[in-house]
Amino acid sequence: MSRRRIGRAAAATTGAAAALLPSLAAAQEGAGRSLDAPDDAMGTVLATAGAVAALFLVASIGYLYMRIRGLEWGFQEKELPPEPGSGGHH
């Protein structure tokens, strides 16, 4: 295993441990201080998931429409140099 991989694995392990510390501390304090989820929390979660799915659907339809109609704009493509003798400037 290379040093770079070992370093990345150590960093990932350290990050995961640091991310778990607050939840471990909260678990030690007990559940008495935390707020319970409201009764309509599941409805809110489902509505949010539905809205995100609808957004992805609209974006996908727009992308497919653009591809089918050939409306791509090559703004990031490199410009080809002008052909010799065409009178184009660099």
PDB file of N, CA and C in Angstrom:
ATOM      1  N   MET A   1       0.846  -1.172   0.000  1.00  0.00           N
ATOM      2  CA  MET A   1       0.000   0.000   0.000  1.00  0.00           C
ATOM      3  C   MET A   1       0.895   1.240   0.000  1.00  0.00           C
ATOM      4  N   SER A   2       0.586   2.198  -0.827  1.00  0.00           N
ATOM      5  CA  SER A   2       1.434   3.374  -0.924  1.00  0.00           C
ATOM      6  C   SER A   2       1.175   4.333   0.233  1.00  0.00           C
ATOM      7  N   ARG A   3       2.111   5.225   0.421  1.00  0.00           N
ATOM      8  CA  ARG A   3       1.971   6.213   1.499  1.00  0.00           C
ATOM      9  C   ARG A   3       0.756   7.111   1.284  1.00  0.00           C
ATOM     10  N   ARG A   4       0.493   7.417   0.027  1.00  0.00           N
ATOM     11  CA  ARG A   4      -0.643   8.296  -0.275  1.00  0.00           C
ATOM     12  C   ARG A   4      -1.958   7.630   0.127  1.00  0.00           C
ATOM     13  N   ARG A   5      -2.082   6.324  -0.165  1.00  0.00           N
ATOM     14  CA  ARG A   5      -3.305   5.599   0.207  1.00  0.00           C
ATOM     15  C   ARG A   5      -3.449   5.495   1.717  1.00  0.00           C
ATOM     16  N   ILE A   6      -2.329   5.244   2.393  1.00  0.00           N
ATOM     17  CA  ILE A   6      -2.373   5.162   3.847  1.00  0.00           C
ATOM     18  C   ILE A   6      -2.780   6.510   4.434  1.00  0.00           C
ATOM     19  N   GLY A   7      -2.248   7.584   3.874  1.00  0.00           N
ATOM     20  CA  GLY A   7      -2.601   8.926   4.338  1.00  0.00           C
ATOM     21  C   GLY A   7      -4.077   9.227   4.118  1.00  0.00           C
ATOM     22  N   ARG A   8      -4.581   8.826   2.960  1.00  0.00           N
ATOM     23  CA  ARG A   8      -5.998   9.061   2.674  1.00  0.00           C
ATOM     24  C   ARG A   8      -6.884   8.240   3.592  1.00  0.00           C
ATOM     25  N   ALA A   9      -6.496   6.994   3.852  1.00  0.00           N
ATOM     26  CA  ALA A   9      -7.277   6.145   4.750  1.00  0.00           C
ATOM     27  C   ALA A   9      -7.258   6.700   6.164  1.00  0.00           C
ATOM     28  N   ALA A  10      -6.103   7.183   6.596  1.00  0.00           N
ATOM     29  CA  ALA A  10      -6.007   7.775   7.932  1.00  0.00           C
ATOM     30  C   ALA A  10      -6.850   9.043   8.022  1.00  0.00           C
ATOM     31  N   ALA A  11      -6.840   9.845   6.974  1.00  0.00           N
ATOM     32  CA  ALA A  11      -7.643  11.067   6.966  1.00  0.00           C
ATOM     33  C   ALA A  11      -9.131  10.752   6.980  1.00  0.00           C
ATOM     34  N   ALA A  12      -9.537   9.735   6.225  1.00  0.00           N
ATOM     35  CA  ALA A  12     -10.948   9.351   6.204  1.00  0.00           C
ATOM     36  C   ALA A  12     -11.382   8.815   7.563  1.00  0.00           C
ATOM     37  N   THR A  13     -10.531   8.021   8.192  1.00  0.00           N
ATOM     38  CA  THR A  13     -10.853   7.482   9.513  1.00  0.00           C
ATOM     39  C   THR A  13     -10.946   8.597  10.547  1.00  0.00           C
ATOM     40  N   THR A  14     -10.003   9.525  10.505  1.00  0.00           N
ATOM     41  CA  THR A  14     -10.025  10.658  11.434  1.00  0.00           C
ATOM     42  C   THR A  14     -11.269  11.512  11.216  1.00  0.00           C
ATOM     43  N   GLY A  15     -11.627  11.750   9.956  1.00  0.00           N
ATOM     44  CA  GLY A  15     -12.824  12.534   9.663  1.00  0.00           C
ATOM     45  C   GLY A  15     -14.087  11.855  10.132  1.00  0.00           C
ATOM     46  N   ALA A  16     -14.163  10.544   9.935  1.00  0.00           N
ATOM     47  CA  ALA A  16     -15.345   9.812  10.390  1.00  0.00           C
ATOM     48  C   ALA A  16     -15.447   9.839  11.908  1.00  0.00           C
ATOM     49  N   ALA A  17     -14.317   9.696  12.583  1.00  0.00           N
ATOM     50  CA  ALA A  17     -14.331   9.752  14.054  1.00  0.00           C
ATOM     51  C   ALA A  17     -14.754  11.130  14.541  1.00  0.00           C
ATOM     52  N   ALA A  18     -14.249  12.171  13.887  1.00  0.00           N
ATOM     53  CA  ALA A  18     -14.624  13.533  14.287  1.00  0.00           C
ATOM     54  C   ALA A  18     -16.101  13.798  14.024  1.00  0.00           C
ATOM     55  N   ALA A  19     -16.644  13.213  12.960  1.00  0.00           N
ATOM     56  CA  ALA A  19     -18.058  13.396  12.660  1.00  0.00           C
ATOM     57  C   ALA A  19     -18.942  12.663  13.659  1.00  0.00           C
ATOM     58  N   LEU A  20     -18.442  11.565  14.233  1.00  0.00           N
ATOM     59  CA  LEU A  20     -19.230  10.792  15.185  1.00  0.00           C
ATOM     60  C   LEU A  20     -19.193  11.368  16.599  1.00  0.00           C
ATOM     61  N   LEU A  21     -18.200  12.169  16.922  1.00  0.00           N
ATOM     62  CA  LEU A  21     -18.066  12.671  18.289  1.00  0.00           C
ATOM     63  C   LEU A  21     -19.303  13.417  18.790  1.00  0.00           C
ATOM     64  N   PRO A  22     -19.888  14.338  18.032  1.00  0.00           N
ATOM     65  CA  PRO A  22     -21.079  15.025  18.551  1.00  0.00           C
ATOM     66  C   PRO A  22     -22.243  14.081  18.831  1.00  0.00           C
ATOM     67  N   SER A  23     -22.438  13.086  17.966  1.00  0.00           N
ATOM     68  CA  SER A  23     -23.548  12.156  18.206  1.00  0.00           C
ATOM     69  C   SER A  23     -23.279  11.281  19.420  1.00  0.00           C
ATOM     70  N   LEU A  24     -22.025  10.913  19.644  1.00  0.00           N
ATOM     71  CA  LEU A  24     -21.694  10.136  20.835  1.00  0.00           C
ATOM     72  C   LEU A  24     -21.905  10.961  22.104  1.00  0.00           C
ATOM     73  N   ALA A  25     -21.526  12.227  22.050  1.00  0.00           N
ATOM     74  CA  ALA A  25     -21.720  13.102  23.210  1.00  0.00           C
ATOM     75  C   ALA A  25     -23.203  13.305  23.487  1.00  0.00           C
ATOM     76  N   ALA A  26     -23.992  13.452  22.433  1.00  0.00           N
ATOM     77  CA  ALA A  26     -25.429  13.631  22.614  1.00  0.00           C
ATOM     78  C   ALA A  26     -26.071  12.365  23.175  1.00  0.00           C
ATOM     79  N   ALA A  27     -25.582  11.205  22.775  1.00  0.00           N
ATOM     80  CA  ALA A  27     -26.135   9.950  23.278  1.00  0.00           C
ATOM     81  C   ALA A  27     -25.828   9.773  24.761  1.00  0.00           C
ATOM     82  N   GLN A  28     -24.683  10.275  25.198  1.00  0.00           N
ATOM     83  CA  GLN A  28     -24.324  10.163  26.608  1.00  0.00           C
ATOM     84  C   GLN A  28     -25.184  11.068  27.485  1.00  0.00           C
ATOM     85  N   GLU A  29     -25.609  12.211  26.929  1.00  0.00           N
ATOM     86  CA  GLU A  29     -26.448  13.129  27.708  1.00  0.00           C
ATOM     87  C   GLU A  29     -27.853  12.580  27.894  1.00  0.00           C
ATOM     88  N   GLY A  30     -28.279  11.736  27.014  1.00  0.00           N
ATOM     89  CA  GLY A  30     -29.622  11.171  27.121  1.00  0.00           C
ATOM     90  C   GLY A  30     -30.571  11.848  26.161  1.00  0.00           C
ATOM     91  N   ALA A  31     -31.693  11.207  25.927  1.00  0.00           N
ATOM     92  CA  ALA A  31     -32.668  11.708  24.965  1.00  0.00           C
ATOM     93  C   ALA A  31     -33.602  12.737  25.575  1.00  0.00           C
ATOM     94  N   GLY A  32     -33.483  13.008  26.869  1.00  0.00           N
ATOM     95  CA  GLY A  32     -34.392  13.931  27.529  1.00  0.00           C
ATOM     96  C   GLY A  32     -34.284  15.361  27.029  1.00  0.00           C
ATOM     97  N   ARG A  33     -33.131  15.741  26.531  1.00  0.00           N
ATOM     98  CA  ARG A  33     -32.935  17.127  26.108  1.00  0.00           C
ATOM     99  C   ARG A  33     -33.241  17.337  24.635  1.00  0.00           C
ATOM    100  N   SER A  34     -33.441  16.283  23.880  1.00  0.00           N
ATOM    101  CA  SER A  34     -33.703  16.438  22.457  1.00  0.00           C
ATOM    102  C   SER A  34     -35.194  16.612  22.202  1.00  0.00           C
ATOM    103  N   LEU A  35     -35.504  17.250  21.091  1.00  0.00           N
ATOM    104  CA  LEU A  35     -36.901  17.473  20.714  1.00  0.00           C
ATOM    105  C   LEU A  35     -37.419  16.276  19.937  1.00  0.00           C
ATOM    106  N   ASP A  36     -38.652  15.919  20.170  1.00  0.00           N
ATOM    107  CA  ASP A  36     -39.280  14.859  19.393  1.00  0.00           C
ATOM    108  C   ASP A  36     -39.716  15.404  18.049  1.00  0.00           C
ATOM    109  N   ALA A  37     -39.762  14.526  17.054  1.00  0.00           N
ATOM    110  CA  ALA A  37     -40.212  14.927  15.727  1.00  0.00           C
ATOM    111  C   ALA A  37     -41.705  15.244  15.783  1.00  0.00           C
ATOM    112  N   PRO A  38     -42.139  16.284  15.060  1.00  0.00           N
ATOM    113  CA  PRO A  38     -43.567  16.589  15.020  1.00  0.00           C
ATOM    114  C   PRO A  38     -44.353  15.465  14.347  1.00  0.00           C
ATOM    115  N   ASP A  39     -45.657  15.474  14.545  1.00  0.00           N
ATOM    116  CA  ASP A  39     -46.504  14.417  13.990  1.00  0.00           C
ATOM    117  C   ASP A  39     -46.502  14.401  12.465  1.00  0.00           C
ATOM    118  N   ASP A  40     -46.378  15.561  11.853  1.00  0.00           N
ATOM    119  CA  ASP A  40     -46.433  15.626  10.395  1.00  0.00           C
ATOM    120  C   ASP A  40     -45.042  15.636   9.755  1.00  0.00           C
ATOM    121  N   ALA A  41     -44.038  15.167  10.466  1.00  0.00           N
ATOM    122  CA  ALA A  41     -42.671  15.179   9.931  1.00  0.00           C
ATOM    123  C   ALA A  41     -42.541  14.280   8.709  1.00  0.00           C
ATOM    124  N   MET A  42     -43.181  13.120   8.736  1.00  0.00           N
ATOM    125  CA  MET A  42     -43.070  12.205   7.598  1.00  0.00           C
ATOM    126  C   MET A  42     -43.697  12.812   6.348  1.00  0.00           C
ATOM    127  N   GLY A  43     -44.783  13.526   6.504  1.00  0.00           N
ATOM    128  CA  GLY A  43     -45.395  14.197   5.359  1.00  0.00           C
ATOM    129  C   GLY A  43     -44.474  15.257   4.767  1.00  0.00           C
ATOM    130  N   THR A  44     -43.766  15.969   5.630  1.00  0.00           N
ATOM    131  CA  THR A  44     -42.822  16.982   5.163  1.00  0.00           C
ATOM    132  C   THR A  44     -41.654  16.335   4.427  1.00  0.00           C
ATOM    133  N   VAL A  45     -41.165  15.235   4.953  1.00  0.00           N
ATOM    134  CA  VAL A  45     -40.062  14.527   4.297  1.00  0.00           C
ATOM    135  C   VAL A  45     -40.504  14.014   2.929  1.00  0.00           C
ATOM    136  N   LEU A  46     -41.694  13.441   2.848  1.00  0.00           N
ATOM    137  CA  LEU A  46     -42.187  12.932   1.568  1.00  0.00           C
ATOM    138  C   LEU A  46     -42.436  14.056   0.566  1.00  0.00           C
ATOM    139  N   ALA A  47     -42.974  15.186   1.049  1.00  0.00           N
ATOM    140  CA  ALA A  47     -43.200  16.321   0.152  1.00  0.00           C
ATOM    141  C   ALA A  47     -41.879  16.859  -0.387  1.00  0.00           C
ATOM    142  N   THR A  48     -40.861  16.922   0.458  1.00  0.00           N
ATOM    143  CA  THR A  48     -39.547  17.393   0.016  1.00  0.00           C
ATOM    144  C   THR A  48     -38.943  16.432  -0.998  1.00  0.00           C
ATOM    145  N   ALA A  49     -39.024  15.127  -0.719  1.00  0.00           N
ATOM    146  CA  ALA A  49     -38.499  14.133  -1.658  1.00  0.00           C
ATOM    147  C   ALA A  49     -39.249  14.197  -2.990  1.00  0.00           C
ATOM    148  N   GLY A  50     -40.564  14.401  -2.939  1.00  0.00           N
ATOM    149  CA  GLY A  50     -41.343  14.534  -4.167  1.00  0.00           C
ATOM    150  C   GLY A  50     -40.963  15.772  -4.958  1.00  0.00           C
ATOM    151  N   ALA A  51     -40.715  16.875  -4.253  1.00  0.00           N
ATOM    152  CA  ALA A  51     -40.320  18.109  -4.935  1.00  0.00           C
ATOM    153  C   ALA A  51     -38.956  17.956  -5.597  1.00  0.00           C
ATOM    154  N   VAL A  52     -38.024  17.296  -4.918  1.00  0.00           N
ATOM    155  CA  VAL A  52     -36.702  17.066  -5.506  1.00  0.00           C
ATOM    156  C   VAL A  52     -36.808  16.143  -6.713  1.00  0.00           C
ATOM    157  N   ALA A  53     -37.622  15.102  -6.622  1.00  0.00           N
ATOM    158  CA  ALA A  53     -37.816  14.192  -7.752  1.00  0.00           C
ATOM    159  C   ALA A  53     -38.452  14.927  -8.935  1.00  0.00           C
ATOM    160  N   ALA A  54     -39.417  15.801  -8.658  1.00  0.00           N
ATOM    161  CA  ALA A  54     -40.044  16.580  -9.731  1.00  0.00           C
ATOM    162  C   ALA A  54     -39.039  17.521 -10.384  1.00  0.00           C
ATOM    163  N   LEU A  55     -38.171  18.120  -9.581  1.00  0.00           N
ATOM    164  CA  LEU A  55     -37.141  19.010 -10.122  1.00  0.00           C
ATOM    165  C   LEU A  55     -36.193  18.243 -11.039  1.00  0.00           C
ATOM    166  N   PHE A  56     -35.775  17.040 -10.604  1.00  0.00           N
ATOM    167  CA  PHE A  56     -34.908  16.227 -11.449  1.00  0.00           C
ATOM    168  C   PHE A  56     -35.627  15.799 -12.720  1.00  0.00           C
ATOM    169  N   LEU A  57     -36.912  15.509 -12.643  1.00  0.00           N
ATOM    170  CA  LEU A  57     -37.676  15.122 -13.820  1.00  0.00           C
ATOM    171  C   LEU A  57     -37.747  16.267 -14.827  1.00  0.00           C
ATOM    172  N   VAL A  58     -38.023  17.468 -14.343  1.00  0.00           N
ATOM    173  CA  VAL A  58     -38.095  18.630 -15.241  1.00  0.00           C
ATOM    174  C   VAL A  58     -36.734  18.901 -15.874  1.00  0.00           C
ATOM    175  N   ALA A  59     -35.664  18.803 -15.082  1.00  0.00           N
ATOM    176  CA  ALA A  59     -34.321  19.022 -15.626  1.00  0.00           C
ATOM    177  C   ALA A  59     -33.971  17.956 -16.658  1.00  0.00           C
ATOM    178  N   SER A  60     -34.360  16.719 -16.420  1.00  0.00           N
ATOM    179  CA  SER A  60     -34.077  15.641 -17.370  1.00  0.00           C
ATOM    180  C   SER A  60     -34.836  15.834 -18.675  1.00  0.00           C
ATOM    181  N   ILE A  61     -36.094  16.231 -18.569  1.00  0.00           N
ATOM    182  CA  ILE A  61     -36.885  16.478 -19.778  1.00  0.00           C
ATOM    183  C   ILE A  61     -36.286  17.644 -20.566  1.00  0.00           C
ATOM    184  N   GLY A  62     -35.866  18.685 -19.875  1.00  0.00           N
ATOM    185  CA  GLY A  62     -35.229  19.817 -20.549  1.00  0.00           C
ATOM    186  C   GLY A  62     -33.937  19.414 -21.239  1.00  0.00           C
ATOM    187  N   TYR A  63     -33.140  18.586 -20.564  1.00  0.00           N
ATOM    188  CA  TYR A  63     -31.890  18.133 -21.156  1.00  0.00           C
ATOM    189  C   TYR A  63     -32.158  17.285 -22.396  1.00  0.00           C
ATOM    190  N   LEU A  64     -33.124  16.356 -22.308  1.00  0.00           N
ATOM    191  CA  LEU A  64     -33.444  15.524 -23.466  1.00  0.00           C
ATOM    192  C   LEU A  64     -33.994  16.360 -24.617  1.00  0.00           C
ATOM    193  N   TYR A  65     -34.808  17.362 -24.318  1.00  0.00           N
ATOM    194  CA  TYR A  65     -35.335  18.248 -25.360  1.00  0.00           C
ATOM    195  C   TYR A  65     -34.187  18.966 -26.065  1.00  0.00           C
ATOM    196  N   MET A  66     -33.240  19.454 -25.261  1.00  0.00           N
ATOM    197  CA  MET A  66     -32.103  20.169 -25.832  1.00  0.00           C
ATOM    198  C   MET A  66     -31.273  19.244 -26.726  1.00  0.00           C
ATOM    199  N   ARG A  67     -31.050  18.003 -26.271  1.00  0.00           N
ATOM    200  CA  ARG A  67     -30.259  17.058 -27.052  1.00  0.00           C
ATOM    201  C   ARG A  67     -30.968  16.663 -28.345  1.00  0.00           C
ATOM    202  N   ILE A  68     -32.279  16.404 -28.273  1.00  0.00           N
ATOM    203  CA  ILE A  68     -33.025  15.975 -29.451  1.00  0.00           C
ATOM    204  C   ILE A  68     -33.088  17.091 -30.489  1.00  0.00           C
ATOM    205  N   ARG A  69     -33.276  18.318 -30.040  1.00  0.00           N
ATOM    206  CA  ARG A  69     -33.361  19.454 -30.959  1.00  0.00           C
ATOM    207  C   ARG A  69     -31.997  19.944 -31.439  1.00  0.00           C
ATOM    208  N   GLY A  70     -30.921  19.431 -30.867  1.00  0.00           N
ATOM    209  CA  GLY A  70     -29.579  19.857 -31.279  1.00  0.00           C
ATOM    210  C   GLY A  70     -29.261  21.270 -30.840  1.00  0.00           C
ATOM    211  N   LEU A  71     -29.691  21.633 -29.654  1.00  0.00           N
ATOM    212  CA  LEU A  71     -29.496  22.997 -29.175  1.00  0.00           C
ATOM    213  C   LEU A  71     -28.246  23.150 -28.307  1.00  0.00           C
ATOM    214  N   GLU A  72     -27.272  22.253 -28.470  1.00  0.00           N
ATOM    215  CA  GLU A  72     -26.064  22.363 -27.674  1.00  0.00           C
ATOM    216  C   GLU A  72     -25.287  23.606 -28.065  1.00  0.00           C
ATOM    217  N   TRP A  73     -24.699  24.219 -27.069  1.00  0.00           N
ATOM    218  CA  TRP A  73     -23.894  25.406 -27.294  1.00  0.00           C
ATOM    219  C   TRP A  73     -22.486  25.054 -26.861  1.00  0.00           C
ATOM    220  N   GLY A  74     -21.561  24.977 -27.781  1.00  0.00           N
ATOM    221  CA  GLY A  74     -20.200  24.563 -27.493  1.00  0.00           C
ATOM    222  C   GLY A  74     -19.349  25.694 -26.963  1.00  0.00           C
ATOM    223  N   PHE A  75     -19.779  26.333 -25.886  1.00  0.00           N
ATOM    224  CA  PHE A  75     -19.041  27.485 -25.375  1.00  0.00           C
ATOM    225  C   PHE A  75     -17.737  27.094 -24.697  1.00  0.00           C
ATOM    226  N   GLN A  76     -17.555  25.828 -24.356  1.00  0.00           N
ATOM    227  CA  GLN A  76     -16.312  25.421 -23.726  1.00  0.00           C
ATOM    228  C   GLN A  76     -15.383  24.680 -24.684  1.00  0.00           C
ATOM    229  N   GLU A  77     -15.796  24.526 -25.894  1.00  0.00           N
ATOM    230  CA  GLU A  77     -14.953  23.853 -26.869  1.00  0.00           C
ATOM    231  C   GLU A  77     -13.884  24.815 -27.365  1.00  0.00           C
ATOM    232  N   LYS A  78     -12.724  24.268 -27.694  1.00  0.00           N
ATOM    233  CA  LYS A  78     -11.640  25.096 -28.213  1.00  0.00           C
ATOM    234  C   LYS A  78     -11.997  25.568 -29.614  1.00  0.00           C
ATOM    235  N   GLU A  79     -11.632  26.795 -29.881  1.00  0.00           N
ATOM    236  CA  GLU A  79     -11.833  27.311 -31.229  1.00  0.00           C
ATOM    237  C   GLU A  79     -10.740  26.776 -32.131  1.00  0.00           C
ATOM    238  N   LEU A  80     -11.123  26.357 -33.303  1.00  0.00           N
ATOM    239  CA  LEU A  80     -10.140  25.901 -34.270  1.00  0.00           C
ATOM    240  C   LEU A  80      -9.493  27.112 -34.918  1.00  0.00           C
ATOM    241  N   PRO A  81      -8.210  27.034 -35.175  1.00  0.00           N
ATOM    242  CA  PRO A  81      -7.561  28.171 -35.845  1.00  0.00           C
ATOM    243  C   PRO A  81      -8.119  28.314 -37.261  1.00  0.00           C
ATOM    244  N   PRO A  82      -8.110  29.547 -37.763  1.00  0.00           N
ATOM    245  CA  PRO A  82      -8.643  29.740 -39.133  1.00  0.00           C
ATOM    246  C   PRO A  82      -7.786  28.996 -40.153  1.00  0.00           C
ATOM    247  N   GLU A  83      -8.454  28.571 -41.204  1.00  0.00           N
ATOM    248  CA  GLU A  83      -7.735  27.852 -42.253  1.00  0.00           C
ATOM    249  C   GLU A  83      -6.835  28.830 -43.014  1.00  0.00           C
ATOM    250  N   PRO A  84      -5.665  28.344 -43.444  1.00  0.00           N
ATOM    251  CA  PRO A  84      -4.773  29.243 -44.202  1.00  0.00           C
ATOM    252  C   PRO A  84      -5.459  29.738 -45.465  1.00  0.00           C
ATOM    253  N   GLY A  85      -5.282  31.014 -45.691  1.00  0.00           N
ATOM    254  CA  GLY A  85      -5.845  31.604 -46.894  1.00  0.00           C
ATOM    255  C   GLY A  85      -7.292  32.038 -46.735  1.00  0.00           C
ATOM    256  N   SER A  86      -7.894  31.859 -45.562  1.00  0.00           N
ATOM    257  CA  SER A  86      -9.285  32.257 -45.402  1.00  0.00           C
ATOM    258  C   SER A  86      -9.405  33.719 -45.001  1.00  0.00           C
ATOM    259  N   GLY A  87      -8.288  34.352 -44.667  1.00  0.00           N
ATOM    260  CA  GLY A  87      -8.325  35.765 -44.293  1.00  0.00           C
ATOM    261  C   GLY A  87      -8.703  35.987 -42.844  1.00  0.00           C
ATOM    262  N   GLY A  88      -8.833  34.938 -42.058  1.00  0.00           N
ATOM    263  CA  GLY A  88      -9.198  35.060 -40.653  1.00  0.00           C
ATOM    264  C   GLY A  88      -8.019  35.516 -39.813  1.00  0.00           C
ATOM    265  N   HIS A  89      -8.331  36.219 -38.748  1.00  0.00           N
ATOM    266  CA  HIS A  89      -7.288  36.707 -37.846  1.00  0.00           C
ATOM    267  C   HIS A  89      -7.205  35.801 -36.633  1.00  0.00           C
ATOM    268  N   HIS A  90      -6.043  35.767 -35.989  1.00  0.00           N
ATOM    269  CA  HIS A  90      -5.882  34.962 -34.781  1.00  0.00           C
ATOM    270  C   HIS A  90      -6.367  35.682 -33.601  1.00  0.00           C
TER     271      HIS A  90
END
